[in-house]
Protein backbone atom coordinates (compact mmCIF):
# COMPACT_ATOMS: atom_id res chain seq x y z
CA MET A 1 -152.93 85.63 55.53
CA ASP A 2 -150.37 88.24 54.46
CA ARG A 3 -152.16 88.68 51.14
CA PHE A 4 -155.48 89.11 52.95
CA ILE A 5 -154.10 91.79 55.26
CA GLU A 6 -152.44 93.56 52.35
CA ALA A 7 -155.72 93.55 50.43
CA ALA A 8 -157.62 94.91 53.44
CA VAL A 9 -155.30 97.89 53.89
CA SER A 10 -154.73 98.66 50.20
CA TYR A 11 -156.84 100.67 47.78
CA PRO A 12 -159.75 100.32 47.28
CA THR A 13 -160.60 98.06 50.24
CA ALA A 14 -158.88 100.42 52.69
CA ILE A 15 -161.75 102.89 52.26
CA LEU A 16 -164.29 100.22 53.16
CA SER A 17 -162.05 98.96 55.99
CA VAL A 18 -162.33 102.36 57.66
CA LEU A 19 -166.12 102.27 57.30
CA LEU A 20 -166.17 98.74 58.68
CA LEU A 21 -164.21 99.85 61.73
CA VAL A 22 -166.73 102.66 62.26
CA VAL A 23 -169.59 100.15 62.05
CA MET A 24 -167.87 97.78 64.47
CA GLY A 25 -167.24 100.66 66.86
CA TYR A 26 -170.89 101.68 66.70
CA TRP A 27 -172.15 98.20 67.55
CA LEU A 28 -169.55 97.80 70.31
CA LEU A 29 -170.74 101.03 71.91
CA ALA A 30 -174.35 99.92 71.44
CA MET A 31 -173.65 96.61 73.21
CA MET A 32 -172.01 98.47 76.08
CA GLY A 33 -175.04 100.74 76.36
CA TRP A 34 -173.14 103.89 75.44
CA VAL A 35 -175.12 104.40 72.25
CA ASP A 36 -178.90 104.24 72.05
CA PHE A 37 -179.72 101.70 69.34
CA ASP A 38 -182.83 103.63 68.28
CA SER A 39 -181.30 107.11 68.37
CA GLY A 40 -179.44 106.76 65.11
CA ASP A 41 -182.10 104.84 63.23
CA VAL A 42 -184.10 106.53 60.52
CA ASP A 43 -187.35 105.13 59.22
CA ILE A 44 -187.17 106.25 55.61
CA GLU A 45 -190.72 105.21 54.90
CA LEU A 46 -192.27 107.52 57.45
CA GLN A 47 -189.89 110.12 58.85
CA SER A 48 -190.59 112.87 61.36
CA HIS A 49 -188.68 116.05 60.74
CA ALA A 50 -188.85 119.66 61.76
CA ASP A 51 -185.98 121.49 60.08
CA ALA A 52 -184.93 119.27 57.15
CA ASP A 53 -185.69 120.16 53.55
CA PRO A 54 -188.77 118.12 52.51
CA GLY A 55 -187.54 117.89 48.94
CA GLU A 56 -184.24 116.35 49.99
CA LEU A 57 -185.98 113.90 52.31
CA SER A 58 -188.39 112.79 49.59
CA THR A 59 -185.49 112.26 47.19
CA LEU A 60 -183.57 110.25 49.77
CA ALA A 61 -186.66 108.21 50.60
CA GLY A 62 -187.23 107.51 46.92
CA TYR A 63 -183.70 106.19 46.47
CA VAL A 64 -183.80 104.02 49.58
CA VAL A 65 -187.16 102.51 48.70
CA ALA A 66 -186.11 101.97 45.08
CA LEU A 67 -182.96 100.14 46.21
CA GLY A 68 -184.97 97.94 48.58
CA LEU A 69 -183.10 99.09 51.69
CA ASN A 70 -186.20 100.21 53.59
CA GLY A 71 -188.12 98.45 56.34
CA VAL A 72 -185.25 98.00 58.83
CA PRO A 73 -183.34 100.48 61.02
CA PHE A 74 -180.81 102.53 59.10
CA SER A 75 -177.96 101.23 61.27
CA VAL A 76 -178.79 97.63 60.33
CA ALA A 77 -179.03 98.30 56.58
CA ALA A 78 -175.84 100.39 56.59
CA SER A 79 -173.92 97.77 58.58
CA ILE A 80 -174.86 94.95 56.22
CA LEU A 81 -174.11 97.13 53.19
CA VAL A 82 -170.62 98.01 54.47
CA LEU A 83 -169.83 94.42 55.47
CA VAL A 84 -170.85 92.96 52.10
CA SER A 85 -169.04 95.73 50.19
CA TRP A 86 -165.88 95.14 52.23
CA THR A 87 -166.02 91.37 51.71
CA VAL A 88 -166.41 91.63 47.93
CA SER A 89 -163.74 94.32 47.62
CA CYS A 90 -161.33 92.40 49.84
CA MET A 91 -161.73 89.24 47.76
CA ALA A 92 -161.09 91.23 44.58
CA GLY A 93 -158.06 92.88 46.20
CA GLU A 94 -156.69 89.51 47.21
CA TRP A 95 -157.22 87.65 43.94
CA LEU A 96 -157.51 90.31 41.20
CA MET A 97 -155.42 93.36 42.10
CA PRO A 98 -152.05 91.50 42.32
CA TRP A 99 -152.36 90.78 38.60
CA VAL A 100 -152.67 94.48 37.70
CA PRO A 101 -149.17 95.64 36.70
CA THR A 102 -148.83 99.42 37.02
CA LEU A 103 -149.93 101.91 39.69
CA PRO A 104 -152.14 104.04 37.38
CA LEU A 105 -153.86 100.90 36.15
CA GLN A 106 -154.24 99.67 39.72
CA MET A 107 -155.97 102.93 40.67
CA LEU A 108 -158.30 102.64 37.68
CA VAL A 109 -159.13 98.99 38.29
CA GLY A 110 -159.41 99.64 42.03
CA THR A 111 -162.00 102.35 41.46
CA GLY A 112 -163.98 99.95 39.29
CA VAL A 113 -163.73 97.29 42.00
CA LEU A 114 -164.97 99.77 44.61
CA LEU A 115 -168.00 100.79 42.54
CA ALA A 116 -168.78 97.18 41.60
CA SER A 117 -168.48 96.07 45.24
CA VAL A 118 -170.92 98.71 46.44
CA GLY A 119 -173.33 97.98 43.58
CA LEU A 120 -173.31 94.25 44.26
CA ALA A 121 -173.60 94.89 48.00
CA ILE A 122 -176.77 96.94 47.47
CA VAL A 123 -178.40 94.00 45.67
CA VAL A 124 -177.24 91.47 48.27
CA THR A 125 -178.22 93.70 51.21
CA ALA A 126 -181.71 94.22 49.79
CA GLN A 127 -182.17 90.44 49.68
CA ILE A 128 -180.76 89.92 53.17
CA ILE A 129 -183.02 92.47 54.87
CA LYS A 130 -186.22 91.23 53.19
CA PRO A 131 -186.89 88.51 55.81
CA MET A 132 -185.66 90.84 58.57
CA ARG A 133 -188.38 93.46 58.10
CA GLY A 134 -190.87 91.53 60.20
CA LEU A 135 -188.48 91.72 63.15
CA PHE A 136 -188.73 95.51 63.21
CA VAL A 137 -192.51 95.91 63.06
CA THR A 138 -193.55 98.50 65.64
CA HIS A 139 -196.74 100.29 66.57
CA GLN A 140 -196.21 102.48 63.54
CA ALA A 141 -198.90 100.64 61.56
CA VAL A 142 -201.54 101.86 64.00
CA ASP A 143 -200.25 105.40 63.66
CA ASN A 144 -200.24 105.06 59.89
CA ALA A 145 -203.89 104.06 59.77
CA SER A 146 -204.78 106.90 62.13
CA LEU A 147 -203.69 109.42 59.49
CA VAL A 148 -206.65 108.49 57.27
CA GLY A 149 -209.04 111.42 57.02
CA ARG A 150 -206.39 114.04 57.65
CA THR A 151 -204.99 116.65 55.29
CA CYS A 152 -201.49 116.46 53.87
CA ARG A 153 -199.26 118.71 51.76
CA ILE A 154 -197.71 117.26 48.61
CA LEU A 155 -193.88 117.24 48.55
CA SER A 156 -193.20 115.64 45.18
CA GLN A 157 -193.52 117.46 41.88
CA SER A 158 -196.53 115.31 41.00
CA VAL A 159 -198.54 112.36 42.29
CA ASP A 160 -199.58 109.35 40.23
CA ALA A 161 -200.34 105.68 40.77
CA ARG A 162 -196.66 104.82 41.33
CA VAL A 163 -194.83 107.75 42.90
CA GLY A 164 -195.74 110.48 45.36
CA TYR A 165 -194.68 111.97 48.69
CA ALA A 166 -196.47 114.22 51.14
CA GLU A 167 -196.17 115.53 54.70
CA VAL A 168 -198.67 115.61 57.53
CA ALA A 169 -198.41 118.13 60.37
CA GLN A 170 -197.89 116.26 63.62
CA ARG A 171 -197.31 117.93 67.00
CA GLY A 172 -195.31 120.84 65.64
CA ALA A 173 -193.18 118.71 63.32
CA SER A 174 -194.04 116.91 60.09
CA ILE A 175 -194.41 113.26 59.12
CA GLN A 176 -193.38 112.30 55.62
CA ILE A 177 -195.50 109.65 53.92
CA ARG A 178 -195.67 107.88 50.57
CA VAL A 179 -198.87 108.61 48.65
CA TRP A 180 -200.53 107.79 45.38
CA ALA A 181 -203.54 109.09 43.49
CA GLU A 182 -205.64 108.31 40.49
CA VAL A 183 -204.63 110.13 37.31
CA PRO A 184 -205.18 112.57 35.82
CA ASN A 185 -205.05 115.01 38.71
CA LEU A 186 -203.81 118.55 39.33
CA MET A 187 -201.78 117.82 42.45
CA ALA A 188 -198.29 119.32 42.44
CA LYS A 189 -195.73 120.30 45.04
CA GLY A 190 -197.34 122.40 47.77
CA ALA A 191 -200.91 121.32 47.02
CA LEU A 192 -203.19 120.16 49.84
CA ALA A 193 -204.81 116.74 49.68
CA HIS A 194 -207.10 114.55 51.77
CA ILE A 195 -205.89 111.11 52.88
CA LEU A 196 -208.59 108.62 51.88
CA GLU A 197 -207.18 105.23 52.83
CA TYR A 198 -204.02 103.39 53.88
CA ASP A 199 -202.59 100.30 52.17
CA GLU A 200 -200.54 98.36 54.72
CA ALA A 201 -199.01 96.06 52.08
CA SER A 202 -197.35 98.89 50.16
CA ASN A 203 -197.21 101.36 53.08
CA ARG A 204 -198.84 104.03 50.94
CA TYR A 205 -201.83 106.34 51.24
CA LEU A 206 -204.46 107.08 48.66
CA VAL A 207 -204.98 110.83 48.45
CA GLN A 208 -207.33 113.19 46.68
CA GLN A 209 -206.82 116.88 46.07
CA ALA A 210 -208.54 119.05 48.63
CA SER A 211 -211.23 120.98 46.77
CA GLY A 212 -210.91 124.74 47.06
CA ALA A 213 -207.84 124.52 49.33
CA GLY A 214 -204.98 126.89 48.88
CA ASP A 215 -201.35 126.62 50.01
């Protein structure tokens, strides 16, 4: 038990221990009703925003989708990610770090353990949340389909059959969506496009450049 506690409060696990305490505090406050469960959740797939930089949001969305951490509330994905990272790092701190002789080497190995723990946790978290996505289905699908026929503005540098992001004006704010288009096309960042259809399986919209439309 002493070795476990020492590993939990030593580098690199100490960093993740702090994050784990934050996560535990968040869920404790949520259970007590002091924190709104939905208020801190961010749907990366389809995010409403008014003041944020669209380019930064599209980049963040691309990373989250690519890592497979989408489809559940942000608080759930982050909590699982921190817990798995902490567990892996703590095990390495308990069984590996005591064999590292000097402090400089411990810092070097510890940094490697921290990066490896987070990397492995991303893979494990993506697998854990796969069956959980169905639990967080909302009325968003209806809203998604209702965007068909509207005009959007491209956010990504280009749009092809695999990658593309756009925004749709919605009640004074903007909704960010994932889009795709047949290639070749002339759509670039800032171009206007028509939404032709919605694919529920991939949560993407087929778009076509708006003819004769300017910025």
